[in-house]
């Protein structure tokens, strides 16, 4: 796990975009894992800017969303399929048919989850997975207590997560109680994971999953076992890291040829 501390969310977004741009140049048919929430927005803004200003192309790429609410009607502005379209895929040249998401409206959720796992596998697996982290340490919607080997499935949202997400709705009563999410085992299959966290509200979660024990109580801690996990945080999110000086030293002296 590499931890990189940057001055602000803008720099976090730019460095994550560097990794994605390098991947797409090297592997035009790259498979990207797409996350929603506030933390990835600077990444999508920067990628859209590079598409407009420098011709960065995603025409052969594919995208797989991390998760989706259960019960929101098709086209609901806060469904994650719509959020990803609005914030990223409609702003670049990725083909709509190459953007996939879990089906939160399926009549048979279990079958839809299995089909989603198979679709990721058929695409060759995820090359780079973008992640945020919840204040309770969840990644995707794998809430505390999730199996570290879990696959795509339905989950019940924790009260804290519903409260955190209420800002996207008119009130908390509109936040669904259930979601379909890629499991921790699914996420761990990605060849490269780039997790971004910004703001003081994420500082404890960052401390817990980076420097605490690996435990289902903090689902993001499973990334300590990932062979290529890059953690990008701003100063506020890094505030509680005991090893901050060591992480800064390692990054400042990293060979340029290593990239992310």
Protein backbone atom coordinates (compact mmCIF):
# COMPACT_ATOMS: atom_id res chain seq x y z
CA UNK A 1 0.00 0.00 0.00
CA UNK A 2 1.42 3.36 -1.06
CA UNK A 3 0.14 6.43 0.78
CA UNK A 4 0.61 9.79 -0.95
CA UNK A 5 -0.26 13.01 0.86
CA UNK A 6 -1.05 16.00 -1.35
CA UNK A 7 -1.95 19.62 -0.59
CA UNK A 8 -5.58 19.55 -1.73
CA UNK A 9 -8.33 17.64 -3.50
CA UNK A 10 -7.31 19.27 -6.78
CA UNK A 11 -3.86 17.70 -6.62
CA UNK A 12 -5.39 14.38 -5.54
CA UNK A 13 -7.66 14.43 -8.58
CA UNK A 14 -4.82 15.37 -10.92
CA UNK A 15 -2.50 12.59 -9.74
CA UNK A 16 -5.26 9.97 -9.98
CA UNK A 17 -6.03 11.27 -13.48
CA UNK A 18 -2.34 10.88 -14.37
CA UNK A 19 -2.55 7.18 -13.52
CA UNK A 20 -5.72 6.72 -15.58
CA UNK A 21 -4.34 8.66 -18.53
CA UNK A 22 -1.14 6.59 -18.50
CA UNK A 23 -3.17 3.39 -18.40
CA UNK A 24 -5.46 4.40 -21.28
CA UNK A 25 -2.47 5.40 -23.41
CA UNK A 26 -0.77 2.07 -22.73
CA UNK A 27 -3.95 0.00 -22.87
CA UNK A 28 -6.69 1.76 -24.90
CA UNK A 29 -9.19 -1.00 -24.12
CA UNK A 30 -8.63 -0.58 -20.36
CA UNK A 31 -11.39 -1.58 -17.95
CA UNK A 32 -12.02 1.14 -15.37
CA UNK A 33 -13.83 0.67 -12.08
CA UNK A 34 -15.96 3.76 -11.46
CA UNK A 35 -16.93 5.09 -8.04
CA UNK A 36 -19.44 7.76 -7.05
CA UNK A 37 -19.54 10.10 -4.07
CA UNK A 38 -17.75 13.39 -3.54
CA UNK A 39 -14.13 12.17 -3.43
CA UNK A 40 -13.81 10.99 -7.07
CA UNK A 41 -15.32 14.16 -8.56
CA UNK A 42 -11.96 15.97 -8.98
CA UNK A 43 -10.71 12.93 -10.92
CA UNK A 44 -13.65 13.05 -13.32
CA UNK A 45 -13.34 16.82 -13.71
CA UNK A 46 -9.67 16.49 -14.61
CA UNK A 47 -10.24 13.62 -17.04
CA UNK A 48 -13.02 15.58 -18.77
CA UNK A 49 -10.71 18.60 -19.02
CA UNK A 50 -7.95 16.49 -20.57
CA UNK A 51 -10.46 15.00 -23.00
CA UNK A 52 -11.58 18.48 -24.08
CA UNK A 53 -8.19 20.18 -24.08
CA UNK A 54 -5.77 17.41 -25.06
CA UNK A 55 -7.88 14.79 -26.80
CA UNK A 56 -7.61 12.10 -24.12
CA UNK A 57 -9.80 9.36 -25.56
CA UNK A 58 -11.81 6.57 -23.93
CA UNK A 59 -13.39 5.21 -27.12
CA UNK A 60 -12.15 1.66 -26.54
CA UNK A 61 -12.36 1.67 -22.73
CA UNK A 62 -15.01 0.06 -20.58
CA UNK A 63 -16.35 1.14 -17.19
CA UNK A 64 -17.93 -0.86 -14.38
CA UNK A 65 -19.68 0.95 -11.53
CA UNK A 66 -19.02 -0.12 -7.96
CA UNK A 67 -22.56 -0.09 -6.70
CA UNK A 68 -26.19 0.98 -7.10
CA UNK A 69 -29.16 1.76 -4.91
CA UNK A 70 -31.99 -0.74 -4.79
CA UNK A 71 -35.46 0.65 -5.43
CA UNK A 72 -34.75 3.93 -7.19
CA UNK A 73 -36.64 4.20 -10.50
CA UNK A 74 -34.72 4.14 -13.78
CA UNK A 75 -33.41 7.61 -14.57
CA UNK A 76 -33.56 8.86 -10.96
CA UNK A 77 -30.94 11.64 -10.74
CA UNK A 78 -29.32 10.07 -7.66
CA UNK A 79 -29.08 6.56 -9.06
CA UNK A 80 -25.42 5.82 -9.48
CA UNK A 81 -25.85 4.98 -13.14
CA UNK A 82 -27.09 8.55 -13.67
CA UNK A 83 -24.44 10.09 -11.41
CA UNK A 84 -21.64 8.39 -13.35
CA UNK A 85 -23.15 9.50 -16.64
CA UNK A 86 -23.54 13.07 -15.43
CA UNK A 87 -20.17 13.41 -13.73
CA UNK A 88 -17.97 11.44 -16.11
CA UNK A 89 -19.07 9.30 -19.03
CA UNK A 90 -21.26 11.92 -20.74
CA UNK A 91 -18.31 14.32 -20.58
CA UNK A 92 -15.88 12.08 -22.49
CA UNK A 93 -16.09 9.83 -25.55
CA UNK A 94 -16.61 6.45 -23.90
CA UNK A 95 -19.33 4.48 -25.66
CA UNK A 96 -22.55 4.28 -23.60
CA UNK A 97 -22.80 0.54 -24.23
CA UNK A 98 -19.36 0.12 -22.63
CA UNK A 99 -20.50 1.55 -19.28
CA UNK A 100 -22.00 -1.04 -16.96
CA UNK A 101 -23.59 -0.96 -13.53
CA UNK A 102 -25.21 -3.38 -11.10
CA UNK A 103 -28.97 -3.73 -11.58
CA UNK A 104 -30.66 -2.42 -8.46
CA UNK A 105 -34.07 -2.81 -10.05
CA UNK A 106 -33.80 -6.47 -11.01
CA UNK A 107 -36.63 -8.81 -10.10
CA UNK A 108 -34.02 -11.40 -9.12
CA UNK A 109 -31.26 -9.49 -7.36
CA UNK A 110 -29.14 -12.55 -6.66
CA UNK A 111 -29.11 -13.54 -10.34
CA UNK A 112 -28.32 -9.97 -11.36
CA UNK A 113 -25.36 -9.91 -8.97
CA UNK A 114 -23.99 -13.13 -10.40
CA UNK A 115 -24.44 -11.78 -13.92
CA UNK A 116 -22.51 -8.63 -12.98
CA UNK A 117 -19.61 -10.68 -11.66
CA UNK A 118 -19.61 -12.65 -14.91
CA UNK A 119 -19.67 -9.44 -16.99
CA UNK A 120 -16.58 -8.11 -15.20
CA UNK A 121 -14.84 -11.42 -15.75
CA UNK A 122 -15.82 -11.50 -19.44
CA UNK A 123 -14.31 -8.03 -19.88
CA UNK A 124 -10.98 -9.31 -18.59
CA UNK A 125 -11.28 -7.89 -15.08
CA UNK A 126 -10.82 -4.34 -13.84
CA UNK A 127 -7.47 -2.75 -14.67
CA UNK A 128 -7.85 0.29 -12.39
CA UNK A 129 -10.48 0.65 -9.70
CA UNK A 130 -11.30 4.11 -8.34
CA UNK A 131 -12.45 4.10 -4.72
CA UNK A 132 -13.57 6.49 -2.05
CA UNK A 133 -13.94 5.55 1.60
CA UNK A 134 -16.89 6.09 3.93
CA UNK A 135 -16.58 7.65 7.35
CA UNK A 136 -17.13 4.17 8.81
CA UNK A 137 -14.44 2.61 6.62
CA UNK A 138 -16.68 1.15 3.91
CA UNK A 139 -15.51 0.85 0.30
CA UNK A 140 -18.16 0.35 -2.31
CA UNK A 141 -21.10 -0.24 -0.02
CA UNK A 142 -19.34 -2.94 1.95
CA UNK A 143 -20.38 -1.83 5.41
CA UNK A 144 -18.55 -2.86 8.60
CA UNK A 145 -18.96 -6.58 9.15
CA UNK A 146 -18.74 -7.42 5.43
CA UNK A 147 -16.86 -10.56 4.52
CA UNK A 148 -13.37 -9.77 3.27
CA UNK A 149 -13.96 -12.36 0.52
CA UNK A 150 -17.44 -11.12 -0.49
CA UNK A 151 -18.65 -10.83 -4.08
CA UNK A 152 -21.31 -8.61 -5.68
CA UNK A 153 -24.47 -8.82 -3.56
CA UNK A 154 -27.26 -6.88 -1.87
CA UNK A 155 -26.39 -5.02 1.34
CA UNK A 156 -28.29 -3.03 3.96
CA UNK A 157 -26.89 0.46 4.45
CA UNK A 158 -25.69 1.47 7.91
CA UNK A 159 -27.49 4.38 9.53
CA UNK A 160 -24.27 6.44 9.36
CA UNK A 161 -24.00 5.87 5.61
CA UNK A 162 -27.63 6.90 5.05
CA UNK A 163 -27.03 10.05 7.10
CA UNK A 164 -23.85 10.81 5.12
CA UNK A 165 -25.70 10.35 1.81
CA UNK A 166 -28.78 12.31 2.81
CA UNK A 167 -27.11 15.46 1.45
CA UNK A 168 -27.77 14.16 -2.07
CA UNK A 169 -31.51 13.82 -1.42
CA UNK A 170 -34.21 16.16 -0.12
CA UNK A 171 -34.23 14.33 3.21
CA UNK A 172 -32.96 11.13 4.79
CA UNK A 173 -36.29 9.37 4.30
CA UNK A 174 -35.57 9.34 0.55
CA UNK A 175 -32.25 7.52 0.95
CA UNK A 176 -32.76 3.82 0.12
CA UNK A 177 -32.01 1.23 2.78
CA UNK A 178 -30.53 -1.29 0.36
CA UNK A 179 -27.87 -1.35 -2.34
CA UNK A 180 -26.18 -3.74 -4.72
CA UNK A 181 -22.41 -3.52 -4.37
CA UNK A 182 -19.30 -5.19 -5.64
CA UNK A 183 -17.87 -7.22 -2.79
CA UNK A 184 -14.51 -6.80 -1.15
CA UNK A 185 -13.26 -9.89 -2.97
CA UNK A 186 -14.43 -8.38 -6.26
CA UNK A 187 -12.64 -5.11 -5.53
CA UNK A 188 -9.47 -6.96 -4.56
CA UNK A 189 -9.42 -8.63 -7.99
CA UNK A 190 -8.71 -5.25 -9.66
CA UNK A 191 -5.12 -5.03 -10.85
CA UNK A 192 -4.63 -1.51 -9.48
CA UNK A 193 -6.73 0.23 -6.82
CA UNK A 194 -6.61 4.01 -6.45
CA UNK A 195 -8.42 5.21 -3.33
CA UNK A 196 -8.95 8.94 -2.83
CA UNK A 197 -9.99 10.61 0.41
CA UNK A 198 -10.26 14.32 1.12
CA UNK A 199 -11.36 16.41 4.06
CA UNK A 200 -11.12 16.20 7.83
CA UNK A 201 -14.23 14.05 7.99
CA UNK A 202 -12.29 11.17 6.45
CA UNK A 203 -9.22 11.44 8.70
CA UNK A 204 -10.24 8.77 11.21
CA UNK A 205 -11.31 6.32 8.52
CA UNK A 206 -7.99 6.85 6.71
CA UNK A 207 -6.06 6.26 9.93
CA UNK A 208 -8.07 3.11 10.68
CA UNK A 209 -7.71 1.41 7.32
CA UNK A 210 -4.11 2.43 6.57
CA UNK A 211 -2.54 1.88 9.99
CA UNK A 212 -5.07 -0.17 11.94
CA UNK A 213 -5.56 -3.94 11.91
CA UNK A 214 -7.08 -5.72 8.94
CA UNK A 215 -10.61 -6.37 10.09
CA UNK A 216 -14.15 -6.66 8.78
CA UNK A 217 -14.92 -3.88 11.26
CA UNK A 218 -13.06 -1.55 8.86
CA UNK A 219 -13.69 -2.99 5.38
CA UNK A 220 -11.18 -0.73 3.61
CA UNK A 221 -8.39 -2.27 5.69
CA UNK A 222 -8.48 -5.28 3.34
CA UNK A 223 -6.51 -3.08 0.91
CA UNK A 224 -3.45 -3.68 3.08
CA UNK A 225 -3.35 -7.07 1.33
CA UNK A 226 -3.67 -5.65 -2.19
CA UNK A 227 -0.47 -5.92 -4.28
CA UNK A 228 -0.99 -2.52 -5.94
CA UNK A 229 -3.07 -0.12 -3.85
CA UNK A 230 -2.43 3.62 -4.09
CA UNK A 231 -3.97 5.83 -1.41
CA UNK A 232 -4.21 9.52 -2.31
CA UNK A 233 -5.21 11.87 0.51
CA UNK A 234 -5.19 15.59 1.09
CA UNK A 235 -3.65 17.20 4.16
CA UNK A 236 -6.90 17.21 6.10
CA UNK A 237 -7.60 13.52 5.50
CA UNK A 238 -4.00 12.69 6.47
CA UNK A 239 -4.16 14.57 9.76
CA UNK A 240 -4.36 11.47 11.98
CA UNK A 241 -1.76 9.32 10.22
CA UNK A 242 1.02 8.41 12.65
CA UNK A 243 3.33 7.54 9.77
CA UNK A 244 2.74 10.69 7.72
CA UNK A 245 6.42 11.69 7.75
CA UNK A 246 7.46 8.27 6.45
CA UNK A 247 4.86 8.36 3.67
CA UNK A 248 6.05 11.81 2.59
CA UNK A 249 9.69 10.69 2.60
CA UNK A 250 8.93 7.60 0.53
CA UNK A 251 7.00 9.57 -2.08
CA UNK A 252 9.53 12.39 -2.25
CA UNK A 253 12.29 9.86 -2.97
CA UNK A 254 10.35 7.56 -5.27
CA UNK A 255 12.03 6.77 -8.61
CA UNK A 256 10.24 8.62 -11.39
CA UNK A 257 10.07 5.51 -13.57
CA UNK A 258 7.82 3.73 -11.05
CA UNK A 259 4.78 5.92 -11.72
CA UNK A 260 1.75 5.10 -9.62
